[in-house]
Amino acid sequence: MYDFTPTGLRAREAAAILSGAGTDKKNLALSYIAEALFERRRDIIEKNRIDVKSAEAKNIKSSLVDRLYLNEKRIEGIADGIKKVIALQDPVGAIDSGETRPNGLKIEKIRVPLGVIGIIYESRPNVTADAAALCLKSGNAAVLRGGSDALTTNMIITEIMRSAIEKAGLPADSVQLLESASRDAATAMMKARGLVDLLIPRGGAGLIKSCVENASIPVIETGVGNCHIYIDSSASVPMAVDIVDNAKTSRPGVCNACETVLVHKDIAEDVLPKLKKRLDLHNVEIRGCELTKMILGESVVPATEEDWATEYLDYILAVKVVDNIYDAISHIQKYSTGHSECIVTDSVAAAEEFKSKIDAAAVYVNASTRFTDGYEMGLGAEIGISTAKIHARGPMGLRELTTVKFLITGNGQIRE
């Protein structure tokens, strides 16, 4: 059995120091991290090629290999993301509320770090830097456990970050990587009660289910995105085609990509051929209902019940023709994972009905679901997209990585 205790104890010691570190000190560490990642980009790319070649040799689908792949532009993007975190307001110490009670007690509720945050994630090595940066800025120590397919890349990124943090005068153990990609290592962190304060899984449904079912520490569910776009009868056809194309093909292997399109029957014969023509440019496989197949022909794969519930993360799209907006809403309510849902419509009434009835972290009117992202929503880097109905829902930025404590100041009051 993997022994997580030494890692957890080092993280707790680092968290105690980080909680009292000022904003300037944390920002200095982040600036050193951003500089070092870019300066050593060729070293990172060299290690990343090892992971990419290994993934290709295992015939991992191209959309998932793309999530793993790093080049100079993507590394520059990671560094720029960290610089954006530096520019964000530090939530630690912020006063949420305050009042003086009739008995003279002054009560304040302030933001404080959570402590030690464990992150279990798959594929994307950019998460290694993003998660570490957000945890550091919010005064938390981070323990990272990435997937085996990105281990070589994650190791060098973590090594670079730890050196930069130490250079700024903060503990290197503010960021640690579990270099074992075994299930035992992940399970040990899930059960590290007293050492880890919060667990955030980022990945597929299987990973998140495992964390929720096995963890003995608090877990925030993130990431699973069976996202829908409903094209209403009043929709602009060119707009609908553009939105679906972007939401499906710009990066099909991410959680905010569209997986199912629902089309009002009155517009289906107009929009579906135009949509297929656009999607054919990316070789998107359509799995459709009977009406979709009648309109588009034999190239459509008959959709099964499983298709409506599947997060493909690939160039595959489920398509269903519905009688009206209420059928669309009912379908989404049944199959949605609560991530991102969209309506394309020119009807204000339809938009309001959709917004009021759809329960998801992000509900869109006439915009791609791909905007469910910390950068795009002005939060800076995000640690994940929470689909849980708790204080953190949607893109989780700095504020969501803090909790509160009450400060009570008196002058001798006693309770009668």
Protein backbone atom coordinates (compact mmCIF):
# COMPACT_ATOMS: atom_id res chain seq x y z
CA MET A 1 0.00 0.00 0.00
CA TYR A 2 1.29 3.45 -0.92
CA ASP A 3 2.36 5.52 2.10
CA PHE A 4 1.01 9.03 1.59
CA THR A 5 1.84 10.24 5.11
CA PRO A 6 5.32 11.75 4.44
CA THR A 7 3.96 13.74 1.49
CA GLY A 8 0.93 14.85 3.48
CA LEU A 9 2.99 15.99 6.47
CA ARG A 10 5.32 18.03 4.26
CA ALA A 11 2.29 19.60 2.61
CA ARG A 12 0.79 20.55 5.98
CA GLU A 13 4.03 22.19 7.06
CA ALA A 14 4.17 24.14 3.82
CA ALA A 15 0.50 25.13 4.10
CA ALA A 16 1.10 26.59 7.57
CA ILE A 17 3.77 28.89 6.13
CA LEU A 18 1.79 29.75 3.00
CA SER A 19 -1.27 30.76 4.99
CA GLY A 20 0.71 33.64 6.49
CA ALA A 21 2.60 34.61 3.35
CA GLY A 22 1.74 38.02 1.98
CA THR A 23 0.44 38.66 -1.51
CA ASP A 24 3.76 40.12 -2.67
CA LYS A 25 5.65 36.99 -1.64
CA LYS A 26 3.19 34.68 -3.37
CA ASN A 27 3.20 36.81 -6.50
CA LEU A 28 7.00 36.78 -6.54
CA ALA A 29 6.95 32.97 -6.50
CA LEU A 30 4.41 32.94 -9.32
CA SER A 31 6.48 35.33 -11.42
CA TYR A 32 9.53 33.10 -10.97
CA ILE A 33 7.45 30.08 -12.00
CA ALA A 34 6.18 31.80 -15.17
CA GLU A 35 9.70 32.91 -16.13
CA ALA A 36 11.25 29.51 -15.45
CA LEU A 37 8.61 27.56 -17.38
CA PHE A 38 9.16 29.70 -20.45
CA GLU A 39 12.96 29.73 -20.13
CA ARG A 40 13.01 25.94 -19.93
CA ARG A 41 10.36 25.36 -22.58
CA ARG A 42 12.67 23.25 -24.73
CA ASP A 43 13.39 20.93 -21.80
CA ILE A 44 9.65 20.59 -21.19
CA ILE A 45 8.95 19.88 -24.87
CA GLU A 46 11.70 17.24 -24.95
CA LYS A 47 10.12 15.39 -22.00
CA ASN A 48 6.63 15.90 -23.39
CA ARG A 49 7.61 14.17 -26.64
CA ILE A 50 8.33 11.03 -24.63
CA ASP A 51 4.77 11.05 -23.27
CA VAL A 52 3.22 11.88 -26.63
CA LYS A 53 5.09 9.10 -28.46
CA SER A 54 4.08 6.64 -25.76
CA ALA A 55 0.43 7.68 -26.05
CA GLU A 56 0.50 7.35 -29.85
CA ALA A 57 2.09 3.91 -29.54
CA LYS A 58 -0.84 2.87 -27.35
CA ASN A 59 -3.27 4.08 -30.07
CA ILE A 60 -4.87 6.62 -27.74
CA LYS A 61 -7.41 8.64 -29.75
CA SER A 62 -6.10 11.83 -31.30
CA SER A 63 -8.32 14.18 -29.29
CA LEU A 64 -6.80 12.86 -26.06
CA VAL A 65 -3.26 12.99 -27.43
CA ASP A 66 -3.95 16.64 -28.25
CA ARG A 67 -4.76 17.27 -24.57
CA LEU A 68 -1.36 15.83 -23.67
CA TYR A 69 0.68 17.63 -26.35
CA LEU A 70 2.75 20.75 -25.55
CA ASN A 71 4.57 23.10 -27.91
CA GLU A 72 6.15 26.53 -27.45
CA LYS A 73 2.86 28.33 -27.98
CA ARG A 74 1.05 26.23 -25.38
CA ILE A 75 3.87 26.63 -22.85
CA GLU A 76 3.82 30.36 -23.45
CA GLY A 77 0.07 30.20 -22.81
CA ILE A 78 0.66 28.39 -19.51
CA ALA A 79 3.18 31.05 -18.45
CA ASP A 80 0.80 33.85 -19.50
CA GLY A 81 -1.96 32.19 -17.48
CA ILE A 82 0.20 32.29 -14.38
CA LYS A 83 0.89 35.98 -15.00
CA LYS A 84 -2.86 36.54 -15.12
CA VAL A 85 -3.17 34.84 -11.72
CA ILE A 86 -0.60 37.32 -10.37
CA ALA A 87 -2.83 40.17 -11.53
CA LEU A 88 -5.89 38.76 -9.77
CA GLN A 89 -6.95 40.03 -6.38
CA ASP A 90 -5.75 37.86 -3.50
CA PRO A 91 -8.86 36.55 -1.70
CA VAL A 92 -7.01 35.72 1.53
CA GLY A 93 -7.88 38.18 4.28
CA ALA A 94 -10.79 39.71 2.39
CA ILE A 95 -13.75 40.55 4.65
CA ASP A 96 -16.94 38.91 3.43
CA SER A 97 -19.10 40.63 6.00
CA GLY A 98 -18.91 42.44 9.31
CA GLU A 99 -21.18 43.94 11.92
CA THR A 100 -21.24 45.14 15.50
CA ARG A 101 -23.84 43.36 17.61
CA PRO A 102 -26.08 45.18 20.12
CA ASN A 103 -23.87 43.86 22.92
CA GLY A 104 -20.82 45.52 21.38
CA LEU A 105 -19.23 42.40 19.89
CA LYS A 106 -17.55 43.12 16.55
CA ILE A 107 -17.99 40.13 14.23
CA GLU A 108 -16.14 39.77 10.93
CA LYS A 109 -16.16 36.91 8.43
CA ILE A 110 -12.89 36.73 6.50
CA ARG A 111 -11.44 34.56 3.75
CA VAL A 112 -8.72 32.07 4.70
CA PRO A 113 -6.94 29.25 2.80
CA LEU A 114 -8.36 25.74 2.91
CA GLY A 115 -4.94 24.25 3.76
CA VAL A 116 -3.85 21.26 1.66
CA ILE A 117 -5.62 20.60 -1.63
CA GLY A 118 -5.21 17.32 -3.50
CA ILE A 119 -5.82 17.30 -7.24
CA ILE A 120 -6.19 14.07 -9.22
CA TYR A 121 -6.31 14.63 -12.98
CA GLU A 122 -5.81 13.03 -16.36
CA SER A 123 -3.72 13.82 -19.45
CA ARG A 124 -3.41 17.61 -19.54
CA PRO A 125 0.00 18.70 -18.21
CA ASN A 126 -1.16 22.33 -18.23
CA VAL A 127 -3.29 21.41 -15.22
CA THR A 128 -0.06 20.81 -13.27
CA ALA A 129 0.91 24.46 -13.60
CA ASP A 130 -2.59 25.94 -13.43
CA ALA A 131 -3.56 24.04 -10.28
CA ALA A 132 -0.27 24.82 -8.54
CA ALA A 133 -0.55 28.53 -9.37
CA LEU A 134 -4.09 28.84 -8.08
CA CYS A 135 -3.35 26.92 -4.90
CA LEU A 136 -0.23 29.00 -4.24
CA LYS A 137 -1.97 32.35 -4.77
CA SER A 138 -4.84 31.31 -2.48
CA GLY A 139 -2.37 30.23 0.22
CA ASN A 140 -2.87 26.48 -0.14
CA ALA A 141 -0.32 23.70 -0.50
CA ALA A 142 -1.01 21.47 -3.52
CA VAL A 143 -0.47 17.73 -3.87
CA LEU A 144 -0.83 16.71 -7.50
CA ARG A 145 -1.48 13.28 -8.94
CA GLY A 146 -1.57 13.33 -12.73
CA GLY A 147 -2.17 10.45 -15.12
CA SER A 148 0.53 7.99 -16.10
CA ASP A 149 0.41 9.20 -19.72
CA ALA A 150 1.75 12.63 -18.71
CA LEU A 151 4.07 11.60 -15.89
CA THR A 152 7.35 12.55 -17.58
CA THR A 153 6.01 16.01 -18.49
CA ASN A 154 4.43 16.56 -15.08
CA MET A 155 7.68 15.68 -13.33
CA ILE A 156 9.74 18.31 -15.11
CA ILE A 157 7.05 20.99 -14.74
CA THR A 158 6.83 20.28 -11.01
CA GLU A 159 10.62 20.30 -10.66
CA ILE A 160 10.78 23.73 -12.32
CA MET A 161 7.98 25.11 -10.15
CA ARG A 162 9.45 23.83 -6.90
CA SER A 163 12.80 25.48 -7.64
CA ALA A 164 11.08 28.77 -8.49
CA ILE A 165 9.01 28.69 -5.29
CA GLU A 166 12.09 28.04 -3.20
CA LYS A 167 13.90 30.90 -4.94
CA ALA A 168 11.11 33.21 -3.74
CA GLY A 169 11.66 32.13 -0.13
CA LEU A 170 8.64 29.84 0.21
CA PRO A 171 8.69 26.07 0.86
CA ALA A 172 9.32 23.92 -2.20
CA ASP A 173 6.80 21.49 -0.70
CA SER A 174 4.08 24.03 -1.40
CA VAL A 175 3.75 21.96 -4.59
CA GLN A 176 4.30 18.21 -4.67
CA LEU A 177 3.70 15.62 -7.35
CA LEU A 178 2.93 11.99 -6.59
CA GLU A 179 5.39 10.34 -8.93
CA SER A 180 3.54 7.06 -8.66
CA ALA A 181 0.64 6.85 -11.09
CA SER A 182 -0.68 3.71 -9.37
CA ARG A 183 -4.23 3.43 -8.12
CA ASP A 184 -2.82 2.79 -4.66
CA ALA A 185 -1.26 6.28 -4.65
CA ALA A 186 -4.52 7.89 -5.68
CA THR A 187 -6.52 5.88 -3.15
CA ALA A 188 -4.07 6.77 -0.37
CA MET A 189 -4.59 10.47 -1.07
CA MET A 190 -8.37 10.01 -1.19
CA LYS A 191 -8.25 8.61 2.32
CA ALA A 192 -5.70 11.02 3.79
CA ARG A 193 -8.07 12.46 6.35
CA GLY A 194 -6.25 14.96 8.54
CA LEU A 195 -3.58 15.55 5.90
CA VAL A 196 -5.62 16.70 2.89
CA ASP A 197 -8.45 19.19 3.37
CA LEU A 198 -10.09 18.99 -0.05
CA LEU A 199 -9.87 16.66 -3.06
CA ILE A 200 -10.56 17.92 -6.57
CA PRO A 201 -10.71 15.30 -9.34
CA ARG A 202 -10.36 16.49 -12.95
CA GLY A 203 -11.09 13.93 -15.61
CA GLY A 204 -13.64 11.50 -16.91
CA ALA A 205 -16.72 10.11 -15.23
CA GLY A 206 -14.84 7.01 -14.02
CA LEU A 207 -12.20 9.03 -12.17
CA ILE A 208 -14.75 11.31 -10.52
CA LYS A 209 -16.98 8.38 -9.53
CA SER A 210 -13.99 6.64 -7.97
CA CYS A 211 -13.07 9.71 -5.93
CA VAL A 212 -16.62 10.33 -4.72
CA GLU A 213 -17.12 6.69 -3.72
CA ASN A 214 -13.71 6.06 -2.14
CA ALA A 215 -12.67 9.34 -0.55
CA SER A 216 -12.93 9.94 3.18
CA ILE A 217 -12.19 13.65 2.70
CA PRO A 218 -14.41 16.31 1.06
CA VAL A 219 -14.57 16.07 -2.76
CA ILE A 220 -15.72 18.62 -5.32
CA GLU A 221 -17.05 16.93 -8.45
CA THR A 222 -15.74 18.53 -11.62
CA GLY A 223 -15.47 18.17 -15.29
CA VAL A 224 -17.88 15.60 -16.74
CA GLY A 225 -19.59 17.49 -19.53
CA ASN A 226 -22.41 15.91 -21.50
CA CYS A 227 -23.20 19.34 -22.95
CA HIS A 228 -26.21 20.06 -25.19
CA ILE A 229 -27.13 22.70 -27.74
CA TYR A 230 -30.83 23.13 -28.54
CA ILE A 231 -31.61 24.84 -31.86
CA ASP A 232 -35.02 26.46 -31.50
CA SER A 233 -37.49 27.00 -34.34
CA SER A 234 -36.73 30.74 -34.37
CA ALA A 235 -32.94 30.32 -34.47
CA SER A 236 -30.71 31.96 -37.05
CA VAL A 237 -29.46 29.01 -39.07
CA PRO A 238 -25.98 30.46 -39.83
CA MET A 239 -25.56 31.33 -36.13
CA ALA A 240 -26.63 27.85 -35.07
CA VAL A 241 -24.18 26.20 -37.47
CA ASP A 242 -21.33 28.42 -36.28
CA ILE A 243 -22.05 27.77 -32.60
CA VAL A 244 -22.34 23.99 -32.96
CA ASP A 245 -19.23 23.82 -35.13
CA ASN A 246 -17.21 25.76 -32.57
CA ALA A 247 -18.61 23.87 -29.59
CA LYS A 248 -17.93 20.46 -31.17
CA THR A 249 -14.79 20.81 -33.27
CA SER A 250 -12.58 23.56 -31.81
CA ARG A 251 -11.37 21.12 -29.11
CA PRO A 252 -13.53 18.01 -28.93
CA GLY A 253 -11.52 16.45 -26.09
CA VAL A 254 -12.50 19.01 -23.43
CA CYS A 255 -15.38 19.00 -20.96
CA ASN A 256 -17.13 22.08 -22.39
CA ALA A 257 -17.39 20.61 -25.90
CA CYS A 258 -20.88 19.93 -27.22
CA GLU A 259 -21.87 16.25 -27.28
CA THR A 260 -25.58 16.39 -28.27
CA VAL A 261 -27.54 18.72 -30.55
CA LEU A 262 -31.33 18.93 -30.28
CA VAL A 263 -33.16 20.49 -33.24
CA HIS A 264 -36.75 21.75 -33.37
CA LYS A 265 -38.69 19.79 -36.00
CA ASP A 266 -39.81 22.97 -37.81
CA ILE A 267 -36.22 23.94 -38.64
CA ALA A 268 -34.59 20.51 -38.91
CA GLU A 269 -34.78 20.10 -42.71
CA ASP A 270 -33.11 23.49 -43.14
CA VAL A 271 -30.42 23.39 -40.47
CA LEU A 272 -29.33 19.75 -40.43
CA PRO A 273 -27.90 19.52 -44.00
CA LYS A 274 -26.02 22.79 -43.48
CA LEU A 275 -24.73 21.61 -40.12
CA LYS A 276 -23.60 18.28 -41.58
CA LYS A 277 -21.79 20.04 -44.42
CA ARG A 278 -19.80 22.08 -41.88
CA LEU A 279 -19.10 19.11 -39.60
CA ASP A 280 -17.98 16.99 -42.56
CA LEU A 281 -14.97 19.32 -42.81
CA HIS A 282 -13.80 17.77 -39.53
CA ASN A 283 -15.02 14.22 -40.27
CA VAL A 284 -17.51 14.35 -37.40
CA GLU A 285 -19.54 11.17 -37.06
CA ILE A 286 -23.24 11.88 -36.49
CA ARG A 287 -25.29 9.47 -34.39
CA GLY A 288 -28.87 10.46 -34.91
CA CYS A 289 -32.50 9.65 -34.25
CA GLU A 290 -34.77 8.26 -36.99
CA LEU A 291 -35.79 11.71 -38.24
CA THR A 292 -32.16 12.84 -38.38
CA LYS A 293 -31.33 9.76 -40.44
CA MET A 294 -34.29 10.42 -42.77
CA ILE A 295 -33.09 13.98 -43.39
CA LEU A 296 -29.34 13.32 -43.67
CA GLY A 297 -29.27 9.83 -45.15
CA GLU A 298 -27.31 6.62 -44.64
CA SER A 299 -24.16 8.31 -43.32
CA VAL A 300 -25.91 8.81 -39.99
CA VAL A 301 -25.27 6.09 -37.40
CA PRO A 302 -28.49 5.18 -35.54
CA ALA A 303 -28.32 6.62 -32.02
CA THR A 304 -28.80 4.34 -29.04
CA GLU A 305 -29.93 5.19 -25.52
CA GLU A 306 -26.28 5.10 -24.49
CA ASP A 307 -25.40 7.80 -27.03
CA TRP A 308 -27.65 10.36 -25.35
CA ALA A 309 -25.75 9.86 -22.08
CA THR A 310 -22.21 9.74 -23.50
CA GLU A 311 -19.45 12.32 -23.16
CA TYR A 312 -17.58 11.39 -26.34
CA LEU A 313 -14.56 13.71 -26.10
CA ASP A 314 -14.13 12.93 -29.78
CA TYR A 315 -15.36 13.89 -33.25
CA ILE A 316 -18.73 12.27 -32.61
CA LEU A 317 -22.02 14.13 -32.16
CA ALA A 318 -25.45 12.84 -31.13
CA VAL A 319 -28.35 14.58 -32.91
CA LYS A 320 -32.05 14.41 -32.12
CA VAL A 321 -35.06 16.14 -33.67
CA VAL A 322 -37.55 17.26 -31.01
CA ASP A 323 -41.15 18.47 -31.25
CA ASN A 324 -40.70 21.64 -29.21
CA ILE A 325 -38.65 23.42 -26.54
CA TYR A 326 -40.33 21.43 -23.77
CA ASP A 327 -39.14 18.14 -25.29
CA ALA A 328 -35.64 19.61 -25.55
CA ILE A 329 -35.68 20.73 -21.92
CA SER A 330 -36.97 17.31 -20.82
CA HIS A 331 -34.19 15.55 -22.73
CA ILE A 332 -31.52 17.80 -21.21
CA GLN A 333 -32.95 17.37 -17.72
CA LYS A 334 -32.69 13.60 -18.16
CA TYR A 335 -29.17 13.35 -19.61
CA SER A 336 -27.33 16.52 -18.54
CA THR A 337 -24.33 16.27 -16.23
CA GLY A 338 -25.00 19.82 -15.07
CA HIS A 339 -22.02 21.35 -16.86
CA SER A 340 -22.96 23.65 -19.78
CA GLU A 341 -26.19 23.84 -21.79
CA CYS A 342 -27.13 26.17 -24.65
CA ILE A 343 -30.16 27.39 -26.59
CA VAL A 344 -29.88 29.06 -29.99
CA THR A 345 -32.98 31.21 -30.51
CA ASP A 346 -34.30 34.61 -31.57
CA SER A 347 -37.22 34.27 -29.17
CA VAL A 348 -36.90 36.10 -25.85
CA ALA A 349 -39.67 33.93 -24.38
CA ALA A 350 -37.89 30.71 -25.41
CA ALA A 351 -34.60 31.98 -24.00
CA GLU A 352 -36.22 32.84 -20.67
CA GLU A 353 -37.96 29.46 -20.50
CA PHE A 354 -34.70 27.64 -21.18
CA LYS A 355 -32.74 29.68 -18.61
CA SER A 356 -35.34 29.13 -15.91
CA LYS A 357 -35.80 25.38 -16.46
CA ILE A 358 -32.24 24.20 -17.14
CA ASP A 359 -30.23 23.42 -14.03
CA ALA A 360 -26.54 23.56 -14.95
CA ALA A 361 -23.40 25.37 -13.85
CA ALA A 362 -23.49 27.44 -17.07
CA VAL A 363 -26.58 28.13 -19.20
CA TYR A 364 -26.03 29.86 -22.55
CA VAL A 365 -28.21 31.78 -24.96
CA ASN A 366 -26.73 32.11 -28.46
CA ALA A 367 -23.11 31.37 -27.53
CA SER A 368 -20.78 28.38 -27.66
CA THR A 369 -20.47 26.17 -24.59
CA ARG A 370 -16.70 26.46 -25.02
CA PHE A 371 -16.79 29.68 -22.98
CA THR A 372 -17.18 27.74 -19.73
CA ASP A 373 -13.62 28.43 -18.76
CA GLY A 374 -11.91 30.45 -16.05
CA TYR A 375 -9.95 32.61 -18.49
CA GLU A 376 -12.96 33.34 -20.68
CA MET A 377 -15.15 34.23 -17.68
CA GLY A 378 -12.59 36.60 -16.21
CA LEU A 379 -11.47 34.40 -13.31
CA GLY A 380 -7.95 33.79 -14.57
CA ALA A 381 -6.75 30.19 -14.48
CA GLU A 382 -9.24 27.71 -13.07
CA ILE A 383 -8.69 24.56 -11.10
CA GLY A 384 -11.71 22.85 -12.62
CA ILE A 385 -15.37 23.24 -13.55
CA SER A 386 -17.50 22.25 -10.59
CA THR A 387 -20.78 20.54 -11.40
CA ALA A 388 -21.62 20.17 -7.70
CA LYS A 389 -24.39 22.21 -6.07
CA ILE A 390 -22.21 23.70 -3.36
CA HIS A 391 -20.42 27.01 -2.78
CA ALA A 392 -18.16 26.30 -5.77
CA ARG A 393 -20.11 25.81 -9.01
CA GLY A 394 -18.83 26.41 -12.51
CA PRO A 395 -15.23 27.55 -13.12
CA MET A 396 -13.36 27.42 -9.80
CA GLY A 397 -11.00 30.33 -9.34
CA LEU A 398 -9.13 31.74 -6.35
CA ARG A 399 -12.13 32.57 -4.20
CA GLU A 400 -13.46 29.02 -4.46
CA LEU A 401 -10.17 27.73 -3.02
CA THR A 402 -10.70 29.58 0.23
CA THR A 403 -13.05 29.13 3.16
CA VAL A 404 -14.07 31.52 5.92
CA LYS A 405 -13.47 32.04 9.59
CA PHE A 406 -15.19 34.38 12.03
CA LEU A 407 -13.20 36.93 14.00
CA ILE A 408 -14.98 38.17 17.12
CA THR A 409 -13.63 41.12 19.09
CA GLY A 410 -15.10 42.19 22.40
CA ASN A 411 -14.30 44.17 25.52
CA GLY A 412 -15.25 41.73 28.27
CA GLN A 413 -18.68 40.53 27.07
CA ILE A 414 -20.04 37.35 28.66
CA ARG A 415 -23.15 35.44 27.64
CA GLU A 416 -26.03 35.51 30.05
